[in-house]
Amino acid sequence: MDVVPRIYAPPTQIPVTDPPSSARDPTKPPFDMVVHMGIATRREYFSIETLGHRDGYELYEDVNHERLPEGFGRAHWLDCPEILYTTFDTDDVLRRWKLNLLADHTSDGEDVDLRLSDDAGHFLCDFIYFSSLSTYYRRSGRREDGERPVLFLHIPAKATEDDILKGRETTVALIRAMVESRREGK
């Protein structure tokens, strides 16, 4: 488990400034931002998805050769638009992500291909991404301009020790870029 970064600090190190979760506003999700991760078997690069799709999940079979019923997304998310976008400024996040990776002295950030994508795959990754985006959409009162601080990171399907280290560093650099972009209001 040494390869997995510790994103959350132990509770004793976190100063308590927020009210207990039971006192939180129920219209606001309990997280400031969310990043999902999935493997893109046909990609040789890291990408952050800019949008998620409500429909089209019945087109692909799972490992048991089963499909979701036709119209599942539309029926499940009837109150949501066909496409939901993250509210991160993805161009800003991408720029910061590249800078953070280059600033990291443990690897050569120049050989890491980072991109934006608008195709999360219309399968599990897109389904998970749209689920999170729709949760924020609904909690914002179904406002198009409501907050949806969610990203989906696709990583290449490589598993050598060097690839895993590169993936770890790339993921940490992305999370830092997300925080920096949010902190500066982008």
C-alpha atoms as a PDB file:
ATOM      1  CA  MET A   1       0.000   0.000   0.000  1.00  0.00           C
ATOM      2  CA  ASP A   2       2.994   2.298  -0.144  1.00  0.00           C
ATOM      3  CA  VAL A   3       2.010   3.229  -3.701  1.00  0.00           C
ATOM      4  CA  VAL A   4      -1.334   4.680  -2.655  1.00  0.00           C
ATOM      5  CA  PRO A   5      -1.044   8.268  -1.431  1.00  0.00           C
ATOM      6  CA  ARG A   6      -2.719   9.172   1.811  1.00  0.00           C
ATOM      7  CA  ILE A   7      -5.135  11.872   0.809  1.00  0.00           C
ATOM      8  CA  TYR A   8      -6.963  12.063   4.132  1.00  0.00           C
ATOM      9  CA  ALA A   9      -4.982  12.995   7.225  1.00  0.00           C
ATOM     10  CA  PRO A  10      -5.732  11.108  10.455  1.00  0.00           C
ATOM     11  CA  PRO A  11      -8.677  12.773  12.255  1.00  0.00           C
ATOM     12  CA  THR A  12      -6.475  14.011  15.082  1.00  0.00           C
ATOM     13  CA  GLN A  13      -4.630  16.260  12.621  1.00  0.00           C
ATOM     14  CA  ILE A  14      -7.722  17.876  11.127  1.00  0.00           C
ATOM     15  CA  PRO A  15      -8.890  21.008  12.953  1.00  0.00           C
ATOM     16  CA  VAL A  16     -12.627  20.918  13.503  1.00  0.00           C
ATOM     17  CA  THR A  17     -14.110  24.075  11.984  1.00  0.00           C
ATOM     18  CA  ASP A  18     -17.217  22.651  10.318  1.00  0.00           C
ATOM     19  CA  PRO A  19     -20.368  21.720  12.196  1.00  0.00           C
ATOM     20  CA  PRO A  20     -20.977  17.988  12.674  1.00  0.00           C
ATOM     21  CA  SER A  21     -22.330  16.294   9.560  1.00  0.00           C
ATOM     22  CA  SER A  22     -25.761  15.998  11.159  1.00  0.00           C
ATOM     23  CA  ALA A  23     -25.892  19.815  11.313  1.00  0.00           C
ATOM     24  CA  ARG A  24     -24.820  20.297   7.684  1.00  0.00           C
ATOM     25  CA  ASP A  25     -27.106  21.774   5.080  1.00  0.00           C
ATOM     26  CA  PRO A  26     -28.787  18.765   3.420  1.00  0.00           C
ATOM     27  CA  THR A  27     -28.762  20.525   0.050  1.00  0.00           C
ATOM     28  CA  LYS A  28     -24.967  20.522   0.048  1.00  0.00           C
ATOM     29  CA  PRO A  29     -22.998  17.296  -0.587  1.00  0.00           C
ATOM     30  CA  PRO A  30     -20.621  16.335   2.209  1.00  0.00           C
ATOM     31  CA  PHE A  31     -17.519  16.719   0.002  1.00  0.00           C
ATOM     32  CA  ASP A  32     -15.856  19.877  -1.292  1.00  0.00           C
ATOM     33  CA  MET A  33     -14.768  18.055  -4.442  1.00  0.00           C
ATOM     34  CA  VAL A  34     -14.765  14.555  -5.855  1.00  0.00           C
ATOM     35  CA  VAL A  35     -12.376  12.738  -8.179  1.00  0.00           C
ATOM     36  CA  HIS A  36     -13.269   9.325  -9.575  1.00  0.00           C
ATOM     37  CA  MET A  37     -10.711   7.118 -11.300  1.00  0.00           C
ATOM     38  CA  GLY A  38     -11.018   4.468 -13.977  1.00  0.00           C
ATOM     39  CA  ILE A  39      -8.815   2.582 -16.377  1.00  0.00           C
ATOM     40  CA  ALA A  40      -9.036   3.423 -20.075  1.00  0.00           C
ATOM     41  CA  THR A  41      -7.723   0.292 -21.763  1.00  0.00           C
ATOM     42  CA  ARG A  42      -7.470   1.882 -25.217  1.00  0.00           C
ATOM     43  CA  ARG A  43      -5.655   5.046 -24.106  1.00  0.00           C
ATOM     44  CA  GLU A  44      -1.950   5.577 -23.602  1.00  0.00           C
ATOM     45  CA  TYR A  45      -2.511   8.892 -21.799  1.00  0.00           C
ATOM     46  CA  PHE A  46      -4.082  10.334 -18.642  1.00  0.00           C
ATOM     47  CA  SER A  47      -7.263  12.306 -19.161  1.00  0.00           C
ATOM     48  CA  ILE A  48      -9.836  14.200 -17.172  1.00  0.00           C
ATOM     49  CA  GLU A  49     -13.391  13.956 -18.402  1.00  0.00           C
ATOM     50  CA  THR A  50     -15.251  17.219 -18.909  1.00  0.00           C
ATOM     51  CA  LEU A  51     -18.810  15.825 -19.049  1.00  0.00           C
ATOM     52  CA  GLY A  52     -21.038  12.869 -18.292  1.00  0.00           C
ATOM     53  CA  HIS A  53     -23.952  11.411 -20.255  1.00  0.00           C
ATOM     54  CA  ARG A  54     -27.400  10.526 -18.963  1.00  0.00           C
ATOM     55  CA  ASP A  55     -28.295   8.129 -21.801  1.00  0.00           C
ATOM     56  CA  GLY A  56     -26.797   5.326 -23.861  1.00  0.00           C
ATOM     57  CA  TYR A  57     -25.843   2.772 -21.213  1.00  0.00           C
ATOM     58  CA  GLU A  58     -27.946   0.015 -22.776  1.00  0.00           C
ATOM     59  CA  LEU A  59     -25.552  -0.108 -25.731  1.00  0.00           C
ATOM     60  CA  TYR A  60     -22.857  -2.157 -23.999  1.00  0.00           C
ATOM     61  CA  GLU A  61     -22.799  -5.534 -22.289  1.00  0.00           C
ATOM     62  CA  ASP A  62     -21.216  -6.183 -18.919  1.00  0.00           C
ATOM     63  CA  VAL A  63     -18.945  -9.165 -18.153  1.00  0.00           C
ATOM     64  CA  ASN A  64     -22.039 -11.387 -17.858  1.00  0.00           C
ATOM     65  CA  HIS A  65     -23.230 -10.277 -21.334  1.00  0.00           C
ATOM     66  CA  GLU A  66     -26.155  -8.381 -19.815  1.00  0.00           C
ATOM     67  CA  ARG A  67     -27.292  -4.879 -20.660  1.00  0.00           C
ATOM     68  CA  LEU A  68     -29.196  -2.232 -18.781  1.00  0.00           C
ATOM     69  CA  PRO A  69     -32.783  -1.830 -19.957  1.00  0.00           C
ATOM     70  CA  GLU A  70     -33.280   0.589 -22.844  1.00  0.00           C
ATOM     71  CA  GLY A  71     -33.897   4.096 -21.566  1.00  0.00           C
ATOM     72  CA  PHE A  72     -32.446   3.337 -18.114  1.00  0.00           C
ATOM     73  CA  GLY A  73     -30.518   6.620 -17.848  1.00  0.00           C
ATOM     74  CA  ARG A  74     -33.450   8.727 -18.984  1.00  0.00           C
ATOM     75  CA  ALA A  75     -35.811   6.940 -16.559  1.00  0.00           C
ATOM     76  CA  HIS A  76     -33.382   7.103 -13.633  1.00  0.00           C
ATOM     77  CA  TRP A  77     -32.337  10.720 -14.234  1.00  0.00           C
ATOM     78  CA  LEU A  78     -35.520  12.098 -15.808  1.00  0.00           C
ATOM     79  CA  ASP A  79     -35.002  15.420 -14.012  1.00  0.00           C
ATOM     80  CA  CYS A  80     -31.461  15.843 -15.363  1.00  0.00           C
ATOM     81  CA  PRO A  81     -30.261  17.175 -18.704  1.00  0.00           C
ATOM     82  CA  GLU A  82     -28.823  14.743 -21.242  1.00  0.00           C
ATOM     83  CA  ILE A  83     -25.292  16.021 -20.535  1.00  0.00           C
ATOM     84  CA  LEU A  84     -23.882  17.439 -17.311  1.00  0.00           C
ATOM     85  CA  TYR A  85     -20.546  19.241 -17.181  1.00  0.00           C
ATOM     86  CA  THR A  86     -18.171  19.548 -14.287  1.00  0.00           C
ATOM     87  CA  THR A  87     -17.977  23.060 -12.860  1.00  0.00           C
ATOM     88  CA  PHE A  88     -14.215  22.873 -12.614  1.00  0.00           C
ATOM     89  CA  ASP A  89     -12.487  25.129 -15.099  1.00  0.00           C
ATOM     90  CA  THR A  90     -10.936  22.116 -16.818  1.00  0.00           C
ATOM     91  CA  ASP A  91      -8.529  24.196 -18.925  1.00  0.00           C
ATOM     92  CA  ASP A  92      -7.202  25.771 -15.723  1.00  0.00           C
ATOM     93  CA  VAL A  93      -6.987  22.406 -13.962  1.00  0.00           C
ATOM     94  CA  LEU A  94      -5.142  20.888 -16.937  1.00  0.00           C
ATOM     95  CA  ARG A  95      -2.646  23.777 -16.993  1.00  0.00           C
ATOM     96  CA  ARG A  96      -2.010  23.477 -13.251  1.00  0.00           C
ATOM     97  CA  TRP A  97      -1.836  19.679 -13.469  1.00  0.00           C
ATOM     98  CA  LYS A  98       0.949  19.901 -16.049  1.00  0.00           C
ATOM     99  CA  LEU A  99       2.825  22.504 -13.991  1.00  0.00           C
ATOM    100  CA  ASN A 100       2.490  20.453 -10.800  1.00  0.00           C
ATOM    101  CA  LEU A 101       3.786  17.349 -12.501  1.00  0.00           C
ATOM    102  CA  LEU A 102       6.758  19.209 -13.951  1.00  0.00           C
ATOM    103  CA  ALA A 103       7.508  20.709 -10.533  1.00  0.00           C
ATOM    104  CA  ASP A 104       7.581  17.226  -8.991  1.00  0.00           C
ATOM    105  CA  HIS A 105      11.247  16.225  -8.829  1.00  0.00           C
ATOM    106  CA  THR A 106      10.634  12.478  -8.439  1.00  0.00           C
ATOM    107  CA  SER A 107       9.732  11.872 -12.092  1.00  0.00           C
ATOM    108  CA  ASP A 108      10.094  13.457 -15.490  1.00  0.00           C
ATOM    109  CA  GLY A 109       6.721  15.113 -15.972  1.00  0.00           C
ATOM    110  CA  GLU A 110       7.475  15.881 -19.608  1.00  0.00           C
ATOM    111  CA  ASP A 111       6.911  12.255 -20.625  1.00  0.00           C
ATOM    112  CA  VAL A 112       3.412  12.130 -19.138  1.00  0.00           C
ATOM    113  CA  ASP A 113       0.645  12.798 -21.661  1.00  0.00           C
ATOM    114  CA  LEU A 114      -2.215  14.721 -19.980  1.00  0.00           C
ATOM    115  CA  ARG A 115      -5.406  15.604 -21.831  1.00  0.00           C
ATOM    116  CA  LEU A 116      -9.007  16.711 -21.542  1.00  0.00           C
ATOM    117  CA  SER A 117     -11.662  14.312 -22.830  1.00  0.00           C
ATOM    118  CA  ASP A 118     -15.384  14.472 -23.531  1.00  0.00           C
ATOM    119  CA  ASP A 119     -15.791  10.700 -23.843  1.00  0.00           C
ATOM    120  CA  ALA A 120     -15.956   8.831 -20.540  1.00  0.00           C
ATOM    121  CA  GLY A 121     -17.032   5.717 -22.417  1.00  0.00           C
ATOM    122  CA  HIS A 122     -20.819   5.314 -21.972  1.00  0.00           C
ATOM    123  CA  PHE A 123     -20.221   2.432 -19.600  1.00  0.00           C
ATOM    124  CA  LEU A 124     -19.151   2.172 -15.979  1.00  0.00           C
ATOM    125  CA  CYS A 125     -16.913   5.243 -15.898  1.00  0.00           C
ATOM    126  CA  ASP A 126     -19.448   7.524 -17.564  1.00  0.00           C
ATOM    127  CA  PHE A 127     -22.246   6.035 -15.431  1.00  0.00           C
ATOM    128  CA  ILE A 128     -20.310   6.696 -12.204  1.00  0.00           C
ATOM    129  CA  TYR A 129     -19.338  10.185 -13.342  1.00  0.00           C
ATOM    130  CA  PHE A 130     -22.869  11.157 -14.343  1.00  0.00           C
ATOM    131  CA  SER A 131     -24.179   9.743 -11.053  1.00  0.00           C
ATOM    132  CA  SER A 132     -21.947  12.130  -9.093  1.00  0.00           C
ATOM    133  CA  LEU A 133     -22.635  15.074 -11.382  1.00  0.00           C
ATOM    134  CA  SER A 134     -26.389  14.456 -11.084  1.00  0.00           C
ATOM    135  CA  THR A 135     -26.169  14.273  -7.282  1.00  0.00           C
ATOM    136  CA  TYR A 136     -24.662  17.778  -7.199  1.00  0.00           C
ATOM    137  CA  TYR A 137     -27.116  18.956  -9.875  1.00  0.00           C
ATOM    138  CA  ARG A 138     -30.086  17.793  -7.837  1.00  0.00           C
ATOM    139  CA  ARG A 139     -28.750  19.229  -4.592  1.00  0.00           C
ATOM    140  CA  SER A 140     -28.305  22.599  -6.266  1.00  0.00           C
ATOM    141  CA  GLY A 141     -32.022  22.736  -7.014  1.00  0.00           C
ATOM    142  CA  ARG A 142     -31.492  21.487 -10.580  1.00  0.00           C
ATOM    143  CA  ARG A 143     -29.757  24.697 -11.570  1.00  0.00           C
ATOM    144  CA  GLU A 144     -27.578  24.595 -14.666  1.00  0.00           C
ATOM    145  CA  ASP A 145     -25.196  26.992 -12.908  1.00  0.00           C
ATOM    146  CA  GLY A 146     -25.125  24.931  -9.681  1.00  0.00           C
ATOM    147  CA  GLU A 147     -21.872  23.601  -8.269  1.00  0.00           C
ATOM    148  CA  ARG A 148     -20.625  20.243  -9.624  1.00  0.00           C
ATOM    149  CA  PRO A 149     -17.031  19.995  -8.359  1.00  0.00           C
ATOM    150  CA  VAL A 150     -16.509  16.492  -9.744  1.00  0.00           C
ATOM    151  CA  LEU A 151     -13.835  15.136 -12.076  1.00  0.00           C
ATOM    152  CA  PHE A 152     -13.200  11.711 -13.547  1.00  0.00           C
ATOM    153  CA  LEU A 153      -9.586  10.704 -14.169  1.00  0.00           C
ATOM    154  CA  HIS A 154      -8.896   8.045 -16.764  1.00  0.00           C
ATOM    155  CA  ILE A 155      -5.556   6.312 -16.443  1.00  0.00           C
ATOM    156  CA  PRO A 156      -3.787   4.055 -18.946  1.00  0.00           C
ATOM    157  CA  ALA A 157      -3.919   0.291 -18.331  1.00  0.00           C
ATOM    158  CA  LYS A 158      -0.252  -0.189 -17.500  1.00  0.00           C
ATOM    159  CA  ALA A 159       0.924  -2.054 -14.427  1.00  0.00           C
ATOM    160  CA  THR A 160       4.704  -2.052 -14.212  1.00  0.00           C
ATOM    161  CA  GLU A 161       6.179  -0.658 -11.020  1.00  0.00           C
ATOM    162  CA  ASP A 162       7.299   2.480 -12.906  1.00  0.00           C
ATOM    163  CA  ASP A 163       3.827   2.935 -14.415  1.00  0.00           C
ATOM    164  CA  ILE A 164       2.205   2.651 -10.991  1.00  0.00           C
ATOM    165  CA  LEU A 165       4.611   5.224  -9.543  1.00  0.00           C
ATOM    166  CA  LYS A 166       3.918   7.539 -12.503  1.00  0.00           C
ATOM    167  CA  GLY A 167       0.184   7.039 -11.988  1.00  0.00           C
ATOM    168  CA  ARG A 168       0.463   7.853  -8.293  1.00  0.00           C
ATOM    169  CA  GLU A 169       2.444  11.035  -8.939  1.00  0.00           C
ATOM    170  CA  THR A 170       0.107  12.061 -11.746  1.00  0.00           C
ATOM    171  CA  THR A 171      -2.963  11.542  -9.565  1.00  0.00           C
ATOM    172  CA  VAL A 172      -1.529  13.521  -6.657  1.00  0.00           C
ATOM    173  CA  ALA A 173      -0.563  16.320  -9.082  1.00  0.00           C
ATOM    174  CA  LEU A 174      -4.160  16.365 -10.375  1.00  0.00           C
ATOM    175  CA  ILE A 175      -5.640  16.581  -6.877  1.00  0.00           C
ATOM    176  CA  ARG A 176      -3.290  19.452  -6.067  1.00  0.00           C
ATOM    177  CA  ALA A 177      -4.344  21.175  -9.321  1.00  0.00           C
ATOM    178  CA  MET A 178      -8.015  20.755  -8.401  1.00  0.00           C
ATOM    179  CA  VAL A 179      -7.448  22.280  -4.965  1.00  0.00           C
ATOM    180  CA  GLU A 180      -5.382  25.166  -6.376  1.00  0.00           C
ATOM    181  CA  SER A 181      -7.943  25.897  -9.068  1.00  0.00           C
ATOM    182  CA  ARG A 182     -10.777  25.904  -6.537  1.00  0.00           C
ATOM    183  CA  ARG A 183      -8.850  27.993  -4.036  1.00  0.00           C
ATOM    184  CA  GLU A 184      -8.203  30.659  -6.656  1.00  0.00           C
ATOM    185  CA  GLY A 185     -11.823  30.662  -7.797  1.00  0.00           C
ATOM    186  CA  LYS A 186     -11.319  29.185 -11.248  1.00  0.00           C
END
